[in-house]
Amino acid sequence: TSELLEERIRYLEEQLRETEKTLVTIQETLGLTSSDEKKSNMPYQIY
């Protein structure tokens, strides 16, 4: 059980890093600066 949980945490940490990179890319590419702009951008909201 603890091995499974540790494995999953490592996987989830990689997913978090990849998702963060994608969010930054969307922000930079679309010039999203305000929270309202981010809130109204569906690709950003999905990630």
All heavy atoms as atom14 arrays in JSON, in Angstrom:
{
  "sequence": "TSELLEERIRYLEEQLRETEKTLVTIQETLGLTSSDEKKSNMPYQIY",
  "atom14_mask": [
    [1, 1, 1, 1, 1, 1, 1, 0, 0, 0, 0, 0, 0, 0],
    [1, 1, 1, 1, 1, 1, 0, 0, 0, 0, 0, 0, 0, 0],
    [1, 1, 1, 1, 1, 1, 1, 1, 1, 0, 0, 0, 0, 0],
    [1, 1, 1, 1, 1, 1, 1, 1, 0, 0, 0, 0, 0, 0],
    [1, 1, 1, 1, 1, 1, 1, 1, 0, 0, 0, 0, 0, 0],
    [1, 1, 1, 1, 1, 1, 1, 1, 1, 0, 0, 0, 0, 0],
    [1, 1, 1, 1, 1, 1, 1, 1, 1, 0, 0, 0, 0, 0],
    [1, 1, 1, 1, 1, 1, 1, 1, 1, 1, 1, 0, 0, 0],
    [1, 1, 1, 1, 1, 1, 1, 1, 0, 0, 0, 0, 0, 0],
    [1, 1, 1, 1, 1, 1, 1, 1, 1, 1, 1, 0, 0, 0],
    [1, 1, 1, 1, 1, 1, 1, 1, 1, 1, 1, 1, 0, 0],
    [1, 1, 1, 1, 1, 1, 1, 1, 0, 0, 0, 0, 0, 0],
    [1, 1, 1, 1, 1, 1, 1, 1, 1, 0, 0, 0, 0, 0],
    [1, 1, 1, 1, 1, 1, 1, 1, 1, 0, 0, 0, 0, 0],
    [1, 1, 1, 1, 1, 1, 1, 1, 1, 0, 0, 0, 0, 0],
    [1, 1, 1, 1, 1, 1, 1, 1, 0, 0, 0, 0, 0, 0],
    [1, 1, 1, 1, 1, 1, 1, 1, 1, 1, 1, 0, 0, 0],
    [1, 1, 1, 1, 1, 1, 1, 1, 1, 0, 0, 0, 0, 0],
    [1, 1, 1, 1, 1, 1, 1, 0, 0, 0, 0, 0, 0, 0],
    [1, 1, 1, 1, 1, 1, 1, 1, 1, 0, 0, 0, 0, 0],
    [1, 1, 1, 1, 1, 1, 1, 1, 1, 0, 0, 0, 0, 0],
    [1, 1, 1, 1, 1, 1, 1, 0, 0, 0, 0, 0, 0, 0],
    [1, 1, 1, 1, 1, 1, 1, 1, 0, 0, 0, 0, 0, 0],
    [1, 1, 1, 1, 1, 1, 1, 0, 0, 0, 0, 0, 0, 0],
    [1, 1, 1, 1, 1, 1, 1, 0, 0, 0, 0, 0, 0, 0],
    [1, 1, 1, 1, 1, 1, 1, 1, 0, 0, 0, 0, 0, 0],
    [1, 1, 1, 1, 1, 1, 1, 1, 1, 0, 0, 0, 0, 0],
    [1, 1, 1, 1, 1, 1, 1, 1, 1, 0, 0, 0, 0, 0],
    [1, 1, 1, 1, 1, 1, 1, 0, 0, 0, 0, 0, 0, 0],
    [1, 1, 1, 1, 1, 1, 1, 1, 0, 0, 0, 0, 0, 0],
    [1, 1, 1, 1, 0, 0, 0, 0, 0, 0, 0, 0, 0, 0],
    [1, 1, 1, 1, 1, 1, 1, 1, 0, 0, 0, 0, 0, 0],
    [1, 1, 1, 1, 1, 1, 1, 0, 0, 0, 0, 0, 0, 0],
    [1, 1, 1, 1, 1, 1, 0, 0, 0, 0, 0, 0, 0, 0],
    [1, 1, 1, 1, 1, 1, 0, 0, 0, 0, 0, 0, 0, 0],
    [1, 1, 1, 1, 1, 1, 1, 1, 0, 0, 0, 0, 0, 0],
    [1, 1, 1, 1, 1, 1, 1, 1, 1, 0, 0, 0, 0, 0],
    [1, 1, 1, 1, 1, 1, 1, 1, 1, 0, 0, 0, 0, 0],
    [1, 1, 1, 1, 1, 1, 1, 1, 1, 0, 0, 0, 0, 0],
    [1, 1, 1, 1, 1, 1, 0, 0, 0, 0, 0, 0, 0, 0],
    [1, 1, 1, 1, 1, 1, 1, 1, 0, 0, 0, 0, 0, 0],
    [1, 1, 1, 1, 1, 1, 1, 1, 0, 0, 0, 0, 0, 0],
    [1, 1, 1, 1, 1, 1, 1, 0, 0, 0, 0, 0, 0, 0],
    [1, 1, 1, 1, 1, 1, 1, 1, 1, 1, 1, 1, 0, 0],
    [1, 1, 1, 1, 1, 1, 1, 1, 1, 0, 0, 0, 0, 0],
    [1, 1, 1, 1, 1, 1, 1, 1, 0, 0, 0, 0, 0, 0],
    [1, 1, 1, 1, 1, 1, 1, 1, 1, 1, 1, 1, 0, 0]
  ],
  "atom14_positions": [
    [[0.81, -1.22, 0.0], [0.0, 0.0, 0.0], [0.84, 1.27, 0.0], [0.64, 2.16, -0.82], [-0.98, -0.01, 1.19], [-1.79, -1.18, 1.09], [-1.85, 1.22, 1.2], [0.0, 0.0, 0.0], [0.0, 0.0, 0.0], [0.0, 0.0, 0.0], [0.0, 0.0, 0.0], [0.0, 0.0, 0.0], [0.0, 0.0, 0.0], [0.0, 0.0, 0.0]],
    [[1.8, 1.36, 0.91], [2.61, 2.59, 0.97], [3.45, 2.75, -0.3], [3.65, 3.87, -0.77], [3.49, 2.62, 2.22], [4.38, 1.54, 2.22], [0.0, 0.0, 0.0], [0.0, 0.0, 0.0], [0.0, 0.0, 0.0], [0.0, 0.0, 0.0], [0.0, 0.0, 0.0], [0.0, 0.0, 0.0], [0.0, 0.0, 0.0], [0.0, 0.0, 0.0]],
    [[3.92, 1.65, -0.88], [4.66, 1.74, -2.14], [3.78, 2.3, -3.25], [4.22, 3.15, -4.04], [5.17, 0.35, -2.57], [6.22, -0.24, -1.69], [6.53, -1.69, -2.06], [6.04, -2.18, -3.11], [7.27, -2.35, -1.3], [0.0, 0.0, 0.0], [0.0, 0.0, 0.0], [0.0, 0.0, 0.0], [0.0, 0.0, 0.0], [0.0, 0.0, 0.0]],
    [[2.55, 1.8, -3.31], [1.6, 2.3, -4.32], [1.36, 3.79, -4.16], [1.34, 4.54, -5.13], [0.27, 1.55, -4.22], [0.22, 0.14, -4.76], [-1.05, -0.56, -4.3], [0.31, 0.15, -6.27], [0.0, 0.0, 0.0], [0.0, 0.0, 0.0], [0.0, 0.0, 0.0], [0.0, 0.0, 0.0], [0.0, 0.0, 0.0], [0.0, 0.0, 0.0]],
    [[1.16, 4.21, -2.92], [0.9, 5.63, -2.66], [2.11, 6.49, -3.03], [1.96, 7.56, -3.63], [0.51, 5.83, -1.2], [-0.87, 5.27, -0.83], [-1.01, 5.16, 0.68], [-1.98, 6.1, -1.44], [0.0, 0.0, 0.0], [0.0, 0.0, 0.0], [0.0, 0.0, 0.0], [0.0, 0.0, 0.0], [0.0, 0.0, 0.0], [0.0, 0.0, 0.0]],
    [[3.3, 6.02, -2.7], [4.53, 6.76, -3.06], [4.69, 6.83, -4.58], [5.06, 7.89, -5.12], [5.76, 6.11, -2.43], [5.81, 6.19, -0.92], [6.09, 7.58, -0.36], [6.4, 8.5, -1.14], [5.98, 7.73, 0.87], [0.0, 0.0, 0.0], [0.0, 0.0, 0.0], [0.0, 0.0, 0.0], [0.0, 0.0, 0.0], [0.0, 0.0, 0.0]],
    [[4.44, 5.72, -5.27], [4.5, 5.71, -6.74], [3.53, 6.73, -7.32], [3.86, 7.48, -8.24], [4.15, 4.33, -7.3], [5.2, 3.28, -7.11], [4.69, 1.89, -7.54], [3.76, 1.79, -8.37], [5.26, 0.89, -7.04], [0.0, 0.0, 0.0], [0.0, 0.0, 0.0], [0.0, 0.0, 0.0], [0.0, 0.0, 0.0], [0.0, 0.0, 0.0]],
    [[2.32, 6.73, -6.77], [1.29, 7.64, -7.28], [1.69, 9.09, -7.03], [1.49, 9.94, -7.89], [-0.05, 7.32, -6.61], [-1.21, 8.08, -7.17], [-1.4, 7.77, -8.67], [-2.74, 8.1, -9.08], [-3.45, 7.39, -9.93], [-2.95, 6.31, -10.48], [-4.65, 7.75, -10.25], [0.0, 0.0, 0.0], [0.0, 0.0, 0.0], [0.0, 0.0, 0.0]],
    [[2.25, 9.38, -5.87], [2.69, 10.75, -5.57], [3.73, 11.2, -6.58], [3.67, 12.33, -7.09], [3.21, 10.85, -4.12], [2.03, 10.73, -3.15], [3.97, 12.15, -3.9], [2.43, 10.53, -1.7], [0.0, 0.0, 0.0], [0.0, 0.0, 0.0], [0.0, 0.0, 0.0], [0.0, 0.0, 0.0], [0.0, 0.0, 0.0], [0.0, 0.0, 0.0]],
    [[4.68, 10.34, -6.92], [5.7, 10.72, -7.91], [5.04, 11.02, -9.26], [5.38, 12.0, -9.93], [6.75, 9.62, -8.05], [7.71, 9.57, -6.87], [8.89, 8.65, -7.12], [8.51, 7.25, -7.27], [8.29, 6.41, -6.27], [8.43, 6.81, -5.03], [7.97, 5.14, -6.51], [0.0, 0.0, 0.0], [0.0, 0.0, 0.0], [0.0, 0.0, 0.0]],
    [[4.11, 10.17, -9.66], [3.38, 10.39, -10.91], [2.61, 11.72, -10.86], [2.65, 12.51, -11.81], [2.42, 9.22, -11.16], [1.36, 9.51, -12.19], [1.68, 9.51, -13.55], [0.05, 9.81, -11.81], [0.7, 9.79, -14.49], [-0.91, 10.1, -12.75], [-0.59, 10.09, -14.09], [-1.54, 10.38, -15.03], [0.0, 0.0, 0.0], [0.0, 0.0, 0.0]],
    [[1.92, 11.97, -9.77], [1.12, 13.19, -9.65], [2.01, 14.44, -9.64], [1.63, 15.47, -10.21], [0.26, 13.13, -8.38], [-0.82, 12.05, -8.38], [-1.4, 11.88, -6.98], [-1.9, 12.37, -9.4], [0.0, 0.0, 0.0], [0.0, 0.0, 0.0], [0.0, 0.0, 0.0], [0.0, 0.0, 0.0], [0.0, 0.0, 0.0], [0.0, 0.0, 0.0]],
    [[3.17, 14.35, -9.03], [4.1, 15.49, -9.04], [4.55, 15.82, -10.46], [4.66, 16.99, -10.83], [5.28, 15.22, -8.11], [4.88, 15.31, -6.64], [5.97, 14.87, -5.68], [6.94, 14.18, -6.11], [5.83, 15.2, -4.48], [0.0, 0.0, 0.0], [0.0, 0.0, 0.0], [0.0, 0.0, 0.0], [0.0, 0.0, 0.0], [0.0, 0.0, 0.0]],
    [[4.8, 14.79, -11.26], [5.15, 15.01, -12.67], [3.98, 15.64, -13.42], [4.16, 16.57, -14.22], [5.57, 13.69, -13.34], [5.85, 13.79, -14.82], [6.98, 14.74, -15.17], [7.89, 14.96, -14.35], [6.94, 15.29, -16.29], [0.0, 0.0, 0.0], [0.0, 0.0, 0.0], [0.0, 0.0, 0.0], [0.0, 0.0, 0.0], [0.0, 0.0, 0.0]],
    [[2.78, 15.17, -13.16], [1.59, 15.75, -13.78], [1.42, 17.21, -13.39], [1.07, 18.04, -14.23], [0.34, 14.95, -13.38], [0.25, 13.58, -14.01], [0.01, 13.67, -15.5], [-1.0, 14.19, -15.94], [0.96, 13.18, -16.28], [0.0, 0.0, 0.0], [0.0, 0.0, 0.0], [0.0, 0.0, 0.0], [0.0, 0.0, 0.0], [0.0, 0.0, 0.0]],
    [[1.67, 17.53, -12.13], [1.57, 18.91, -11.67], [2.58, 19.8, -12.39], [2.24, 20.91, -12.84], [1.77, 18.99, -10.15], [0.62, 18.46, -9.3], [1.05, 18.31, -7.85], [-0.6, 19.36, -9.42], [0.0, 0.0, 0.0], [0.0, 0.0, 0.0], [0.0, 0.0, 0.0], [0.0, 0.0, 0.0], [0.0, 0.0, 0.0], [0.0, 0.0, 0.0]],
    [[3.82, 19.31, -12.54], [4.84, 20.1, -13.25], [4.43, 20.35, -14.7], [4.54, 21.47, -15.21], [6.2, 19.4, -13.19], [6.91, 19.53, -11.86], [8.35, 19.02, -11.92], [8.43, 17.59, -12.16], [8.34, 16.66, -11.19], [8.17, 17.01, -9.95], [8.45, 15.38, -11.49], [0.0, 0.0, 0.0], [0.0, 0.0, 0.0], [0.0, 0.0, 0.0]],
    [[3.97, 19.29, -15.38], [3.56, 19.43, -16.78], [2.36, 20.38, -16.92], [2.31, 21.18, -17.85], [3.22, 18.06, -17.38], [4.4, 17.14, -17.57], [5.39, 17.68, -18.6], [4.97, 18.28, -19.61], [6.6, 17.48, -18.39], [0.0, 0.0, 0.0], [0.0, 0.0, 0.0], [0.0, 0.0, 0.0], [0.0, 0.0, 0.0], [0.0, 0.0, 0.0]],
    [[1.42, 20.26, -16.0], [0.24, 21.12, -16.06], [0.61, 22.57, -15.78], [0.11, 23.48, -16.44], [-0.84, 20.61, -15.08], [-1.09, 19.24, -15.34], [-2.13, 21.39, -15.23], [0.0, 0.0, 0.0], [0.0, 0.0, 0.0], [0.0, 0.0, 0.0], [0.0, 0.0, 0.0], [0.0, 0.0, 0.0], [0.0, 0.0, 0.0], [0.0, 0.0, 0.0]],
    [[1.5, 22.79, -14.83], [1.97, 24.16, -14.55], [2.63, 24.76, -15.79], [2.38, 25.92, -16.12], [2.98, 24.15, -13.4], [2.35, 24.07, -12.04], [3.4, 24.0, -10.92], [4.53, 23.52, -11.16], [3.06, 24.42, -9.81], [0.0, 0.0, 0.0], [0.0, 0.0, 0.0], [0.0, 0.0, 0.0], [0.0, 0.0, 0.0], [0.0, 0.0, 0.0]],
    [[3.48, 23.97, -16.47], [4.13, 24.47, -17.69], [3.09, 24.84, -18.74], [3.22, 25.86, -19.41], [5.1, 23.41, -18.25], [6.38, 23.32, -17.5], [7.39, 22.28, -17.98], [7.16, 21.55, -19.23], [8.12, 20.47, -19.49], [0.0, 0.0, 0.0], [0.0, 0.0, 0.0], [0.0, 0.0, 0.0], [0.0, 0.0, 0.0], [0.0, 0.0, 0.0]],
    [[2.08, 24.03, -18.87], [1.03, 24.3, -19.85], [0.26, 25.56, -19.49], [-0.04, 26.38, -20.35], [0.07, 23.09, -19.97], [0.84, 21.95, -20.35], [-1.02, 23.35, -21.0], [0.0, 0.0, 0.0], [0.0, 0.0, 0.0], [0.0, 0.0, 0.0], [0.0, 0.0, 0.0], [0.0, 0.0, 0.0], [0.0, 0.0, 0.0], [0.0, 0.0, 0.0]],
    [[-0.05, 25.74, -18.22], [-0.76, 26.95, -17.78], [0.07, 28.2, -18.08], [-0.46, 29.2, -18.56], [-1.07, 26.87, -16.28], [-2.23, 25.95, -15.91], [-2.24, 25.66, -14.41], [-3.56, 26.56, -16.34], [0.0, 0.0, 0.0], [0.0, 0.0, 0.0], [0.0, 0.0, 0.0], [0.0, 0.0, 0.0], [0.0, 0.0, 0.0], [0.0, 0.0, 0.0]],
    [[1.37, 28.13, -17.82], [2.25, 29.27, -18.11], [2.28, 29.55, -19.61], [2.2, 30.69, -20.06], [3.67, 29.03, -17.55], [4.66, 30.05, -18.09], [3.64, 29.05, -16.03], [0.0, 0.0, 0.0], [0.0, 0.0, 0.0], [0.0, 0.0, 0.0], [0.0, 0.0, 0.0], [0.0, 0.0, 0.0], [0.0, 0.0, 0.0], [0.0, 0.0, 0.0]],
    [[2.38, 28.5, -20.42], [2.39, 28.65, -21.87], [1.1, 29.31, -22.36], [1.14, 30.22, -23.19], [2.58, 27.28, -22.56], [3.84, 26.73, -22.14], [2.57, 27.41, -24.08], [0.0, 0.0, 0.0], [0.0, 0.0, 0.0], [0.0, 0.0, 0.0], [0.0, 0.0, 0.0], [0.0, 0.0, 0.0], [0.0, 0.0, 0.0], [0.0, 0.0, 0.0]],
    [[-0.04, 28.86, -21.85], [-1.32, 29.46, -22.24], [-1.35, 30.93, -21.84], [-1.74, 31.79, -22.64], [-2.51, 28.69, -21.61], [-2.63, 27.29, -22.22], [-3.82, 29.46, -21.79], [-3.62, 26.38, -21.5], [0.0, 0.0, 0.0], [0.0, 0.0, 0.0], [0.0, 0.0, 0.0], [0.0, 0.0, 0.0], [0.0, 0.0, 0.0], [0.0, 0.0, 0.0]],
    [[-0.93, 31.22, -20.62], [-0.9, 32.61, -20.16], [-0.04, 33.48, -21.08], [-0.47, 34.56, -21.49], [-0.32, 32.7, -18.74], [-1.27, 32.37, -17.65], [-0.58, 32.47, -16.3], [-0.22, 31.47, -15.73], [-0.4, 33.68, -15.83], [0.0, 0.0, 0.0], [0.0, 0.0, 0.0], [0.0, 0.0, 0.0], [0.0, 0.0, 0.0], [0.0, 0.0, 0.0]],
    [[1.15, 33.01, -21.38], [2.09, 33.79, -22.19], [1.61, 33.92, -23.63], [1.67, 34.99, -24.22], [3.49, 33.18, -22.13], [4.13, 33.32, -20.77], [5.45, 32.58, -20.65], [5.82, 31.82, -21.57], [6.12, 32.77, -19.6], [0.0, 0.0, 0.0], [0.0, 0.0, 0.0], [0.0, 0.0, 0.0], [0.0, 0.0, 0.0], [0.0, 0.0, 0.0]],
    [[1.14, 32.81, -24.2], [0.71, 32.81, -25.59], [-0.49, 33.71, -25.81], [-0.56, 34.44, -26.79], [0.37, 31.37, -26.05], [1.51, 30.55, -25.86], [-0.03, 31.33, -27.52], [0.0, 0.0, 0.0], [0.0, 0.0, 0.0], [0.0, 0.0, 0.0], [0.0, 0.0, 0.0], [0.0, 0.0, 0.0], [0.0, 0.0, 0.0], [0.0, 0.0, 0.0]],
    [[-1.44, 33.66, -24.89], [-2.67, 34.44, -25.04], [-2.64, 35.77, -24.31], [-3.6, 36.53, -24.35], [-3.88, 33.61, -24.58], [-4.08, 32.28, -25.32], [-5.25, 31.52, -24.73], [-4.28, 32.52, -26.81], [0.0, 0.0, 0.0], [0.0, 0.0, 0.0], [0.0, 0.0, 0.0], [0.0, 0.0, 0.0], [0.0, 0.0, 0.0], [0.0, 0.0, 0.0]],
    [[-1.55, 36.05, -23.6], [-1.43, 37.32, -22.88], [-2.43, 37.48, -21.75], [-2.94, 38.57, -21.52], [0.0, 0.0, 0.0], [0.0, 0.0, 0.0], [0.0, 0.0, 0.0], [0.0, 0.0, 0.0], [0.0, 0.0, 0.0], [0.0, 0.0, 0.0], [0.0, 0.0, 0.0], [0.0, 0.0, 0.0], [0.0, 0.0, 0.0], [0.0, 0.0, 0.0]],
    [[-2.7, 36.38, -21.05], [-3.65, 36.44, -19.94], [-2.93, 36.98, -18.71], [-2.01, 36.35, -18.21], [-4.21, 35.05, -19.64], [-4.84, 34.28, -20.8], [-5.26, 32.89, -20.35], [-6.01, 35.04, -21.38], [0.0, 0.0, 0.0], [0.0, 0.0, 0.0], [0.0, 0.0, 0.0], [0.0, 0.0, 0.0], [0.0, 0.0, 0.0], [0.0, 0.0, 0.0]],
    [[-3.35, 38.13, -18.23], [-2.68, 38.73, -17.07], [-3.6, 38.85, -15.87], [-3.17, 38.64, -14.75], [-2.11, 40.11, -17.43], [-3.16, 40.92, -17.97], [-0.97, 40.0, -18.43], [0.0, 0.0, 0.0], [0.0, 0.0, 0.0], [0.0, 0.0, 0.0], [0.0, 0.0, 0.0], [0.0, 0.0, 0.0], [0.0, 0.0, 0.0], [0.0, 0.0, 0.0]],
    [[-4.85, 39.15, -16.08], [-5.76, 39.34, -14.95], [-6.49, 38.04, -14.63], [-6.6, 37.15, -15.46], [-6.78, 40.44, -15.26], [-7.72, 39.98, -16.21], [0.0, 0.0, 0.0], [0.0, 0.0, 0.0], [0.0, 0.0, 0.0], [0.0, 0.0, 0.0], [0.0, 0.0, 0.0], [0.0, 0.0, 0.0], [0.0, 0.0, 0.0], [0.0, 0.0, 0.0]],
    [[-7.0, 37.98, -13.41], [-7.76, 36.79, -13.02], [-9.05, 36.68, -13.83], [-9.51, 35.58, -14.12], [-8.06, 36.81, -11.52], [-8.8, 37.95, -11.17], [0.0, 0.0, 0.0], [0.0, 0.0, 0.0], [0.0, 0.0, 0.0], [0.0, 0.0, 0.0], [0.0, 0.0, 0.0], [0.0, 0.0, 0.0], [0.0, 0.0, 0.0], [0.0, 0.0, 0.0]],
    [[-9.64, 37.81, -14.24], [-10.84, 37.78, -15.08], [-10.53, 37.19, -16.46], [-11.33, 36.42, -17.0], [-11.43, 39.18, -15.26], [-12.18, 39.65, -14.02], [-12.51, 38.8, -13.16], [-12.42, 40.87, -13.91], [0.0, 0.0, 0.0], [0.0, 0.0, 0.0], [0.0, 0.0, 0.0], [0.0, 0.0, 0.0], [0.0, 0.0, 0.0], [0.0, 0.0, 0.0]],
    [[-9.37, 37.55, -17.03], [-8.98, 36.99, -18.33], [-8.77, 35.48, -18.23], [-9.2, 34.73, -19.1], [-7.7, 37.66, -18.84], [-7.89, 39.1, -19.27], [-6.57, 39.79, -19.58], [-5.54, 39.46, -18.95], [-6.59, 40.67, -20.45], [0.0, 0.0, 0.0], [0.0, 0.0, 0.0], [0.0, 0.0, 0.0], [0.0, 0.0, 0.0], [0.0, 0.0, 0.0]],
    [[-8.15, 35.05, -17.15], [-7.92, 33.61, -16.95], [-9.24, 32.89, -16.72], [-9.45, 31.79, -17.23], [-6.98, 33.38, -15.76], [-5.57, 33.87, -16.0], [-4.75, 33.76, -14.75], [-3.39, 34.43, -14.95], [-2.63, 34.52, -13.7], [0.0, 0.0, 0.0], [0.0, 0.0, 0.0], [0.0, 0.0, 0.0], [0.0, 0.0, 0.0], [0.0, 0.0, 0.0]],
    [[-10.13, 33.51, -15.97], [-11.42, 32.9, -15.66], [-12.28, 32.72, -16.9], [-13.02, 31.75, -17.02], [-12.16, 33.76, -14.65], [-13.31, 33.08, -13.99], [-13.93, 34.0, -12.95], [-14.34, 33.2, -11.75], [-14.87, 34.03, -10.69], [0.0, 0.0, 0.0], [0.0, 0.0, 0.0], [0.0, 0.0, 0.0], [0.0, 0.0, 0.0], [0.0, 0.0, 0.0]],
    [[-12.16, 33.64, -17.85], [-13.0, 33.56, -19.05], [-12.35, 32.78, -20.19], [-12.94, 32.62, -21.25], [-13.36, 34.97, -19.53], [-12.19, 35.65, -19.94], [0.0, 0.0, 0.0], [0.0, 0.0, 0.0], [0.0, 0.0, 0.0], [0.0, 0.0, 0.0], [0.0, 0.0, 0.0], [0.0, 0.0, 0.0], [0.0, 0.0, 0.0], [0.0, 0.0, 0.0]],
    [[-11.14, 32.25, -19.98], [-10.45, 31.49, -21.01], [-10.59, 30.0, -20.72], [-10.0, 29.48, -19.77], [-8.98, 31.89, -21.07], [-8.25, 31.18, -22.18], [-7.8, 30.06, -22.0], [-8.15, 31.82, -23.32], [0.0, 0.0, 0.0], [0.0, 0.0, 0.0], [0.0, 0.0, 0.0], [0.0, 0.0, 0.0], [0.0, 0.0, 0.0], [0.0, 0.0, 0.0]],
    [[-11.4, 29.31, -21.54], [-11.72, 27.91, -21.25], [-10.5, 26.98, -21.3], [-10.36, 26.14, -20.41], [-12.82, 27.41, -22.17], [-13.49, 26.16, -21.67], [-14.05, 26.23, -19.94], [-15.33, 27.47, -20.01], [0.0, 0.0, 0.0], [0.0, 0.0, 0.0], [0.0, 0.0, 0.0], [0.0, 0.0, 0.0], [0.0, 0.0, 0.0], [0.0, 0.0, 0.0]],
    [[-9.59, 27.09, -22.28], [-8.41, 26.21, -22.22], [-7.64, 26.39, -20.91], [-7.22, 25.4, -20.29], [-7.57, 26.63, -23.43], [-8.59, 27.15, -24.39], [-9.63, 27.84, -23.54], [0.0, 0.0, 0.0], [0.0, 0.0, 0.0], [0.0, 0.0, 0.0], [0.0, 0.0, 0.0], [0.0, 0.0, 0.0], [0.0, 0.0, 0.0], [0.0, 0.0, 0.0]],
    [[-7.49, 27.63, -20.47], [-6.79, 27.87, -19.2], [-7.55, 27.21, -18.05], [-6.96, 26.54, -17.2], [-6.63, 29.37, -18.95], [-5.82, 29.66, -17.71], [-4.43, 29.76, -17.78], [-6.43, 29.82, -16.48], [-3.67, 30.0, -16.64], [-5.69, 30.05, -15.33], [-4.32, 30.14, -15.43], [-3.57, 30.37, -14.3], [0.0, 0.0, 0.0], [0.0, 0.0, 0.0]],
    [[-8.86, 27.37, -18.03], [-9.68, 26.81, -16.96], [-9.66, 25.28, -16.94], [-9.67, 24.66, -15.88], [-11.12, 27.32, -17.05], [-11.26, 28.77, -16.62], [-10.73, 28.99, -15.2], [-11.09, 28.27, -14.27], [-9.88, 29.98, -15.05], [0.0, 0.0, 0.0], [0.0, 0.0, 0.0], [0.0, 0.0, 0.0], [0.0, 0.0, 0.0], [0.0, 0.0, 0.0]],
    [[-9.61, 24.67, -18.1], [-9.56, 23.21, -18.17], [-8.25, 22.69, -17.56], [-8.26, 21.73, -16.78], [-9.74, 22.73, -19.62], [-11.19, 22.97, -20.05], [-9.35, 21.25, -19.78], [-11.45, 22.82, -21.52], [0.0, 0.0, 0.0], [0.0, 0.0, 0.0], [0.0, 0.0, 0.0], [0.0, 0.0, 0.0], [0.0, 0.0, 0.0], [0.0, 0.0, 0.0]],
    [[-7.14, 23.35, -17.88], [-5.87, 22.93, -17.29], [-5.8, 23.29, -15.81], [-5.18, 22.58, -15.02], [-4.68, 23.49, -18.08], [-4.44, 22.7, -19.33], [-4.96, 23.12, -20.55], [-3.71, 21.52, -19.31], [-4.76, 22.37, -21.7], [-3.51, 20.77, -20.45], [-4.03, 21.21, -21.64], [-3.84, 20.47, -22.77], [0.0, 0.0, 0.0], [0.0, 0.0, 0.0]]
  ]
}
